[in-house]
Amino acid sequence: MNAILNSTIITALNSGFINKKECEEVIVDTTIMEKNISYPTVLQIVSCINALLAD
């Protein structure tokens, strides 16, 4: 993983996308986001059963 990161940084420096000054300080966002979790409700279960019985 470090080899890929090093290669990416060297390529960006050589291509002019970033300069050495921009590499002096790195900010890492470690925010954890909850996934959109939906728990089944009675209405959802009844709707599913109705749909299966309608077929």
N, C-alpha and C. Protein backbone atom coordinates (compact mmCIF):
# COMPACT_ATOMS: atom_id res chain seq x y z
N MET A 1 0.83 -1.18 0.00
CA MET A 1 0.00 0.00 0.00
C MET A 1 0.88 1.26 0.00
N ASN A 2 1.95 1.21 0.78
CA ASN A 2 2.85 2.37 0.81
C ASN A 2 3.51 2.62 -0.54
N ALA A 3 3.81 1.53 -1.25
CA ALA A 3 4.44 1.69 -2.57
C ALA A 3 3.49 2.39 -3.53
N ILE A 4 2.21 2.05 -3.47
CA ILE A 4 1.22 2.69 -4.34
C ILE A 4 1.08 4.16 -3.98
N LEU A 5 1.02 4.46 -2.67
CA LEU A 5 0.91 5.86 -2.23
C LEU A 5 2.13 6.66 -2.65
N ASN A 6 3.32 6.10 -2.44
CA ASN A 6 4.56 6.80 -2.83
C ASN A 6 4.59 7.05 -4.33
N SER A 7 4.21 6.05 -5.10
CA SER A 7 4.21 6.19 -6.56
C SER A 7 3.22 7.27 -7.00
N THR A 8 2.06 7.31 -6.36
CA THR A 8 1.05 8.31 -6.70
C THR A 8 1.54 9.72 -6.39
N ILE A 9 2.17 9.88 -5.23
CA ILE A 9 2.68 11.21 -4.83
C ILE A 9 3.80 11.65 -5.77
N ILE A 10 4.72 10.76 -6.08
CA ILE A 10 5.84 11.10 -6.98
C ILE A 10 5.31 11.49 -8.35
N THR A 11 4.33 10.73 -8.85
CA THR A 11 3.75 11.05 -10.16
C THR A 11 3.07 12.41 -10.14
N ALA A 12 2.33 12.70 -9.06
CA ALA A 12 1.65 14.00 -8.96
C ALA A 12 2.66 15.14 -8.88
N LEU A 13 3.75 14.93 -8.15
CA LEU A 13 4.80 15.96 -8.07
C LEU A 13 5.44 16.18 -9.43
N ASN A 14 5.80 15.11 -10.11
CA ASN A 14 6.46 15.21 -11.41
C ASN A 14 5.55 15.80 -12.48
N SER A 15 4.25 15.57 -12.36
CA SER A 15 3.29 16.07 -13.35
C SER A 15 2.88 17.51 -13.08
N GLY A 16 3.21 18.03 -11.90
CA GLY A 16 2.87 19.40 -11.57
C GLY A 16 1.48 19.57 -10.97
N PHE A 17 0.82 18.46 -10.63
CA PHE A 17 -0.51 18.57 -10.02
C PHE A 17 -0.41 19.08 -8.58
N ILE A 18 0.67 18.75 -7.89
CA ILE A 18 0.91 19.25 -6.53
C ILE A 18 2.35 19.71 -6.45
N ASN A 19 2.65 20.50 -5.42
CA ASN A 19 4.04 20.88 -5.19
C ASN A 19 4.46 20.41 -3.79
N LYS A 20 5.74 20.52 -3.49
CA LYS A 20 6.25 20.02 -2.20
C LYS A 20 5.62 20.74 -1.02
N LYS A 21 5.27 22.01 -1.18
CA LYS A 21 4.65 22.77 -0.10
C LYS A 21 3.32 22.14 0.31
N GLU A 22 2.58 21.62 -0.68
CA GLU A 22 1.29 21.00 -0.39
C GLU A 22 1.43 19.66 0.33
N CYS A 23 2.60 19.08 0.29
CA CYS A 23 2.83 17.79 0.96
C CYS A 23 3.33 17.95 2.39
N GLU A 24 3.58 19.18 2.83
CA GLU A 24 4.10 19.39 4.18
C GLU A 24 3.06 19.09 5.25
N GLU A 25 1.79 19.38 4.98
CA GLU A 25 0.73 19.15 5.94
C GLU A 25 -0.40 18.38 5.27
N VAL A 26 -0.78 17.29 5.88
CA VAL A 26 -1.85 16.46 5.32
C VAL A 26 -2.99 16.41 6.32
N ILE A 27 -4.20 16.66 5.84
CA ILE A 27 -5.38 16.60 6.69
C ILE A 27 -6.16 15.34 6.31
N VAL A 28 -6.41 14.51 7.30
CA VAL A 28 -7.13 13.25 7.07
C VAL A 28 -8.50 13.34 7.73
N ASP A 29 -9.53 13.09 6.96
CA ASP A 29 -10.89 13.11 7.48
C ASP A 29 -11.25 11.70 7.93
N THR A 30 -11.46 11.53 9.23
CA THR A 30 -11.78 10.21 9.77
C THR A 30 -13.22 10.13 10.25
N THR A 31 -14.06 10.95 9.65
CA THR A 31 -15.48 10.95 10.02
C THR A 31 -16.11 9.61 9.64
N ILE A 32 -16.86 9.06 10.56
CA ILE A 32 -17.55 7.80 10.30
C ILE A 32 -19.01 8.10 10.02
N MET A 33 -19.48 7.66 8.88
CA MET A 33 -20.87 7.89 8.49
C MET A 33 -21.66 6.60 8.66
N GLU A 34 -22.85 6.72 9.26
CA GLU A 34 -23.71 5.56 9.37
C GLU A 34 -24.29 5.23 8.00
N LYS A 35 -24.48 3.95 7.75
CA LYS A 35 -25.11 3.54 6.51
C LYS A 35 -26.61 3.73 6.64
N ASN A 36 -27.26 3.83 5.51
CA ASN A 36 -28.70 4.01 5.49
C ASN A 36 -29.35 2.65 5.79
N ILE A 37 -29.54 2.38 7.07
CA ILE A 37 -30.08 1.10 7.51
C ILE A 37 -31.57 1.25 7.75
N SER A 38 -32.35 0.37 7.15
CA SER A 38 -33.80 0.38 7.31
C SER A 38 -34.22 -0.95 7.91
N TYR A 39 -34.88 -0.90 9.04
CA TYR A 39 -35.36 -2.11 9.69
C TYR A 39 -36.80 -2.35 9.26
N PRO A 40 -37.18 -3.61 9.04
CA PRO A 40 -38.53 -3.88 8.57
C PRO A 40 -39.59 -3.50 9.61
N THR A 41 -40.65 -2.90 9.13
CA THR A 41 -41.77 -2.55 10.00
C THR A 41 -42.91 -3.51 9.70
N VAL A 42 -43.91 -3.51 10.56
CA VAL A 42 -45.06 -4.38 10.35
C VAL A 42 -45.73 -4.06 9.03
N LEU A 43 -45.85 -2.78 8.71
CA LEU A 43 -46.49 -2.37 7.46
C LEU A 43 -45.73 -2.91 6.25
N GLN A 44 -44.40 -2.85 6.29
CA GLN A 44 -43.60 -3.36 5.18
C GLN A 44 -43.78 -4.87 5.03
N ILE A 45 -43.84 -5.58 6.14
CA ILE A 45 -44.01 -7.03 6.09
C ILE A 45 -45.40 -7.39 5.55
N VAL A 46 -46.43 -6.69 6.02
CA VAL A 46 -47.79 -6.94 5.54
C VAL A 46 -47.88 -6.62 4.05
N SER A 47 -47.27 -5.54 3.60
CA SER A 47 -47.28 -5.17 2.19
C SER A 47 -46.60 -6.25 1.35
N CYS A 48 -45.52 -6.79 1.85
CA CYS A 48 -44.80 -7.85 1.13
C CYS A 48 -45.67 -9.10 1.03
N ILE A 49 -46.32 -9.45 2.12
CA ILE A 49 -47.20 -10.64 2.12
C ILE A 49 -48.35 -10.42 1.14
N ASN A 50 -48.96 -9.23 1.17
CA ASN A 50 -50.05 -8.92 0.24
C ASN A 50 -49.59 -9.04 -1.21
N ALA A 51 -48.40 -8.56 -1.50
CA ALA A 51 -47.87 -8.63 -2.86
C ALA A 51 -47.65 -10.09 -3.28
N LEU A 52 -47.18 -10.92 -2.35
CA LEU A 52 -46.96 -12.34 -2.67
C LEU A 52 -48.29 -13.05 -2.87
N LEU A 53 -49.30 -12.71 -2.06
CA LEU A 53 -50.60 -13.36 -2.21
C LEU A 53 -51.35 -12.89 -3.44
N ALA A 54 -51.07 -11.68 -3.90
CA ALA A 54 -51.74 -11.14 -5.08
C ALA A 54 -51.30 -11.86 -6.35
N ASP A 55 -50.12 -12.44 -6.33
CA ASP A 55 -49.61 -13.14 -7.54
C ASP A 55 -50.27 -14.43 -7.68
